[in-house]
Amino acid sequence: RFAAWVSATGSAGTLAAGDYLKDRHPGALIAASEALQCPTLLRCGFGGHRIEGIGDKHVPWIHNVRNTDFVVAVDDQQCMDLLRLFNEPAGRATLEREGVPIDLVDQLHLLGISSIGNLVSAIKTARHYEMDGRDVIFTPLTDSTELYASRLAELNDAHGPYAREDALRHRERWLVGVTPDHVRELSYQDRKQLHNFKYFTWVEQQQRDVDDLRRLWDRDFWPEMFAEAEGWDERIREFNGMVGL
């Protein structure tokens, strides 16, 4: 069965795919992921982190928090260590030696730092809800290691060459040993709290209308928005035709 859609929040556009999937698979979950070092959804927290491109320190205006079931926070050190495990020769050789199929090992470079964050979040979601082989989780792999060659070089400079001992430790701690810590199942009141938290960014700072904020909580608002998508697509096609695209 389709069990969950798991995605980092970012600007919440990708996360909104969960609304579509949940509508077609009642009972499925939407899990929002963020960095543990900046736990905005987990505990209204703040801070800096190294999971690039996922947004932080606010609840996005278009995040349909009323339809979000679960929050997962991922330690950015876990992402950095797995980046090395998936890409350094010693890490790849160790994974193959531990039984990971070579065709899968050869594709791990397709996971960049934020993709690894989504992967870990999906594992934590599965373990929290005690899912098994009958459950299917979707998560987007939004970047690749091609973006992070400089990050790998920085990690080598800071920690030295990556060795088999490092790979074994990181595999055991960050993959085999993943635990469902730093997670939050959202009650109705939790969701309302996150909705209200939007006020400080979008109304006080960005001068949005408070009545528009209230509309975002209306249960009919987002279905009505999705129903207009075909009209938006048609206008996009018209514009593309006007400019020769």
Protein backbone atom coordinates (compact mmCIF):
# COMPACT_ATOMS: atom_id res chain seq x y z
CA ARG A 1 0.00 0.00 0.00
CA PHE A 2 1.06 3.58 -0.52
CA ALA A 3 1.96 4.65 3.02
CA ALA A 4 3.65 8.05 3.00
CA TRP A 5 5.07 11.01 1.11
CA VAL A 6 8.21 12.35 2.80
CA SER A 7 9.85 15.62 1.76
CA ALA A 8 11.86 18.49 3.18
CA THR A 9 9.77 21.63 3.51
CA GLY A 10 11.77 24.05 1.37
CA SER A 11 9.21 26.52 0.03
CA ALA A 12 6.59 23.74 0.41
CA GLY A 13 5.87 23.29 -3.31
CA THR A 14 7.38 19.80 -3.48
CA LEU A 15 5.82 18.89 -0.14
CA ALA A 16 2.43 19.75 -1.67
CA ALA A 17 2.69 16.68 -3.90
CA GLY A 18 1.63 14.89 -0.74
CA ASP A 19 -1.76 16.61 -0.89
CA TYR A 20 -2.34 15.11 -4.34
CA LEU A 21 -1.13 11.66 -3.28
CA LYS A 22 -3.05 11.66 -0.02
CA ASP A 23 -6.25 12.58 -1.84
CA ARG A 24 -5.83 9.49 -4.04
CA HIS A 25 -4.60 7.20 -1.27
CA PRO A 26 -6.70 7.86 1.85
CA GLY A 27 -4.85 6.82 4.96
CA ALA A 28 -1.44 7.78 3.61
CA LEU A 29 0.75 10.16 5.60
CA ILE A 30 2.49 13.41 4.72
CA ALA A 31 5.80 13.79 6.55
CA ALA A 32 7.69 17.10 6.51
CA SER A 33 11.45 16.93 6.99
CA GLU A 34 13.84 19.58 8.29
CA ALA A 35 17.31 19.89 9.81
CA LEU A 36 17.63 19.02 13.49
CA GLN A 37 19.91 22.03 13.87
CA CYS A 38 16.99 24.29 12.84
CA PRO A 39 13.86 22.53 14.21
CA THR A 40 11.21 25.06 13.18
CA LEU A 41 8.37 22.57 12.73
CA LEU A 42 9.58 20.21 15.45
CA ARG A 43 9.71 22.78 18.25
CA CYS A 44 9.43 26.28 16.73
CA GLY A 45 13.22 26.39 16.87
CA PHE A 46 15.92 28.14 14.86
CA GLY A 47 19.59 27.78 13.99
CA GLY A 48 22.08 27.13 11.21
CA HIS A 49 22.60 23.85 9.37
CA ARG A 50 24.40 22.25 6.41
CA ILE A 51 21.50 20.63 4.53
CA GLU A 52 21.49 22.98 1.58
CA GLY A 53 18.40 24.18 -0.24
CA ILE A 54 15.65 23.00 2.12
CA GLY A 55 14.54 26.30 3.69
CA ASP A 56 14.45 27.09 7.38
CA LYS A 57 13.36 29.38 10.21
CA HIS A 58 9.78 29.87 9.05
CA VAL A 59 6.66 28.00 7.98
CA PRO A 60 6.17 28.61 4.23
CA TRP A 61 3.05 30.51 3.26
CA ILE A 62 1.87 27.71 0.97
CA HIS A 63 2.62 24.87 3.39
CA ASN A 64 -0.75 23.20 3.98
CA VAL A 65 -0.01 22.37 7.61
CA ARG A 66 -3.58 21.27 8.19
CA ASN A 67 -2.83 18.24 5.99
CA THR A 68 0.64 17.45 7.41
CA ASP A 69 0.77 14.43 9.72
CA PHE A 70 4.35 14.05 10.82
CA VAL A 71 7.54 16.06 11.28
CA VAL A 72 11.02 14.52 11.02
CA ALA A 73 14.25 16.29 11.97
CA VAL A 74 17.55 15.01 10.55
CA ASP A 75 21.00 15.68 11.98
CA ASP A 76 23.05 17.44 9.32
CA GLN A 77 26.12 15.44 10.41
CA GLN A 78 24.28 12.31 9.32
CA CYS A 79 23.86 13.78 5.83
CA MET A 80 27.52 14.78 5.58
CA ASP A 81 28.76 11.38 6.73
CA LEU A 82 26.46 9.55 4.31
CA LEU A 83 27.59 11.84 1.50
CA ARG A 84 31.10 10.51 2.06
CA LEU A 85 29.93 6.91 2.47
CA PHE A 86 28.03 7.04 -0.83
CA ASN A 87 30.81 8.71 -2.84
CA GLU A 88 34.27 7.98 -1.45
CA PRO A 89 35.92 4.85 -2.96
CA ALA A 90 36.33 3.27 0.49
CA GLY A 91 32.66 3.87 1.24
CA ARG A 92 31.42 2.43 -2.03
CA ALA A 93 33.68 -0.62 -1.69
CA THR A 94 32.45 -1.21 1.86
CA LEU A 95 28.80 -1.03 0.84
CA GLU A 96 29.40 -3.52 -1.96
CA ARG A 97 31.28 -5.81 0.42
CA GLU A 98 28.37 -5.60 2.88
CA GLY A 99 25.95 -6.84 0.24
CA VAL A 100 24.59 -3.73 -1.46
CA PRO A 101 24.14 -4.55 -5.18
CA ILE A 102 26.75 -2.90 -7.37
CA ASP A 103 24.12 -1.37 -9.66
CA LEU A 104 22.67 0.43 -6.63
CA VAL A 105 26.09 1.50 -5.36
CA ASP A 106 26.78 2.97 -8.80
CA GLN A 107 23.69 5.17 -8.49
CA LEU A 108 24.32 6.58 -5.02
CA HIS A 109 26.10 9.61 -6.49
CA LEU A 110 22.65 10.72 -7.62
CA LEU A 111 21.86 11.62 -4.00
CA GLY A 112 23.08 15.03 -2.88
CA ILE A 113 22.90 16.38 0.65
CA SER A 114 19.20 17.27 0.66
CA SER A 115 18.30 14.00 -1.10
CA ILE A 116 20.13 12.13 1.66
CA GLY A 117 18.12 14.13 4.19
CA ASN A 118 14.91 12.96 2.50
CA LEU A 119 16.16 9.37 2.41
CA VAL A 120 16.95 9.39 6.13
CA SER A 121 13.59 11.02 6.88
CA ALA A 122 11.82 8.26 4.97
CA ILE A 123 13.66 5.60 6.99
CA LYS A 124 12.79 7.33 10.27
CA THR A 125 9.14 7.59 9.21
CA ALA A 126 9.04 3.88 8.37
CA ARG A 127 10.59 2.91 11.69
CA HIS A 128 8.39 5.22 13.76
CA TYR A 129 5.23 3.74 12.26
CA GLU A 130 6.65 0.18 12.25
CA MET A 131 6.14 -0.20 8.51
CA ASP A 132 7.19 -3.32 6.65
CA GLY A 133 7.61 -4.66 3.12
CA ARG A 134 3.94 -4.11 2.33
CA ASP A 135 4.30 -0.35 2.75
CA VAL A 136 5.57 1.99 0.02
CA ILE A 137 7.09 5.39 0.82
CA PHE A 138 7.74 8.04 -1.82
CA THR A 139 10.43 10.68 -1.34
CA PRO A 140 12.00 13.03 -3.92
CA LEU A 141 15.71 12.95 -4.68
CA THR A 142 16.10 16.62 -5.43
CA ASP A 143 19.84 17.01 -5.98
CA SER A 144 22.96 14.98 -6.79
CA THR A 145 26.56 14.86 -5.63
CA GLU A 146 27.51 16.77 -8.77
CA LEU A 147 26.65 19.92 -6.80
CA TYR A 148 28.86 19.06 -3.84
CA ALA A 149 32.37 18.23 -5.05
CA SER A 150 33.67 21.15 -3.00
CA ARG A 151 31.87 19.85 0.10
CA LEU A 152 33.55 16.46 -0.27
CA ALA A 153 36.92 18.19 -0.59
CA GLU A 154 36.21 20.26 2.52
CA LEU A 155 35.30 17.12 4.49
CA ASN A 156 38.52 15.43 3.40
CA ASP A 157 40.53 18.48 4.43
CA ALA A 158 38.80 18.63 7.81
CA HIS A 159 38.73 14.91 8.68
CA GLY A 160 41.41 13.29 6.54
CA PRO A 161 41.09 10.56 3.90
CA TYR A 162 37.99 8.40 4.13
CA ALA A 163 38.83 4.87 5.27
CA ARG A 164 37.00 1.55 5.55
CA GLU A 165 36.72 2.04 9.31
CA ASP A 166 34.85 5.31 8.70
CA ALA A 167 32.55 3.61 6.22
CA LEU A 168 31.70 0.75 8.59
CA ARG A 169 30.99 3.20 11.42
CA HIS A 170 28.80 5.46 9.30
CA ARG A 171 26.88 2.56 7.76
CA GLU A 172 26.12 1.09 11.18
CA ARG A 173 25.25 4.37 12.87
CA TRP A 174 23.45 6.27 10.14
CA LEU A 175 21.74 3.53 8.06
CA VAL A 176 21.41 0.25 9.96
CA GLY A 177 21.07 2.03 13.29
CA VAL A 178 18.67 4.81 12.31
CA THR A 179 16.21 5.41 15.14
CA PRO A 180 12.94 7.39 15.01
CA ASP A 181 14.18 10.14 17.31
CA HIS A 182 13.44 13.85 16.92
CA VAL A 183 10.03 13.28 15.35
CA ARG A 184 6.59 14.71 16.03
CA GLU A 185 3.16 13.31 15.25
CA LEU A 186 0.92 16.30 14.66
CA SER A 187 -2.40 16.57 16.47
CA TYR A 188 -5.07 19.01 15.34
CA GLN A 189 -3.81 21.58 17.83
CA ASP A 190 -0.20 21.04 16.72
CA ARG A 191 -1.21 21.81 13.15
CA LYS A 192 -3.12 24.90 14.23
CA GLN A 193 -0.05 26.04 16.18
CA LEU A 194 2.15 25.75 13.08
CA HIS A 195 -0.45 27.61 11.04
CA ASN A 196 -0.52 30.43 13.60
CA PHE A 197 3.28 30.54 13.56
CA LYS A 198 3.04 31.79 9.96
CA TYR A 199 1.70 35.08 11.30
CA PHE A 200 5.05 36.36 12.50
CA THR A 201 6.82 35.88 9.16
CA TRP A 202 4.08 36.64 6.69
CA VAL A 203 1.82 39.20 8.38
CA GLU A 204 4.14 41.07 10.73
CA GLN A 205 7.25 40.99 8.53
CA GLN A 206 5.95 40.57 4.96
CA GLN A 207 2.73 42.59 5.36
CA ARG A 208 0.39 39.87 4.12
CA ASP A 209 -3.28 40.33 4.96
CA VAL A 210 -4.28 38.53 8.14
CA ASP A 211 -7.60 37.53 6.54
CA ASP A 212 -5.65 35.75 3.79
CA LEU A 213 -3.78 33.87 6.50
CA ARG A 214 -7.07 32.81 8.06
CA ARG A 215 -8.26 31.57 4.66
CA LEU A 216 -5.27 29.23 4.46
CA TRP A 217 -6.70 27.32 7.43
CA ASP A 218 -10.13 26.91 5.83
CA ARG A 219 -10.59 23.25 4.91
CA ASP A 220 -11.96 24.19 1.48
CA PHE A 221 -9.16 26.57 0.50
CA TRP A 222 -6.56 24.13 -0.82
CA PRO A 223 -8.98 21.86 -2.74
CA GLU A 224 -10.32 25.00 -4.44
CA MET A 225 -6.77 26.06 -5.33
CA PHE A 226 -5.95 22.65 -6.81
CA ALA A 227 -9.16 22.75 -8.86
CA GLU A 228 -7.85 25.88 -10.61
CA ALA A 229 -4.63 24.21 -11.78
CA GLU A 230 -5.87 23.44 -15.29
CA GLY A 231 -6.76 27.09 -15.78
CA TRP A 232 -3.26 28.12 -14.71
CA ASP A 233 -1.76 25.55 -17.08
CA GLU A 234 -3.78 26.95 -19.96
CA ARG A 235 -2.59 30.49 -19.25
CA ILE A 236 1.00 29.23 -19.08
CA ARG A 237 0.58 27.56 -22.47
CA GLU A 238 -0.84 30.79 -23.90
CA PHE A 239 2.07 32.81 -22.54
CA ASN A 240 4.61 30.30 -23.84
CA GLY A 241 3.03 30.56 -27.27
CA MET A 242 3.23 34.36 -27.16
CA VAL A 243 6.96 34.35 -26.38
CA GLY A 244 7.80 31.50 -28.76
CA LEU A 245 8.42 28.70 -26.26
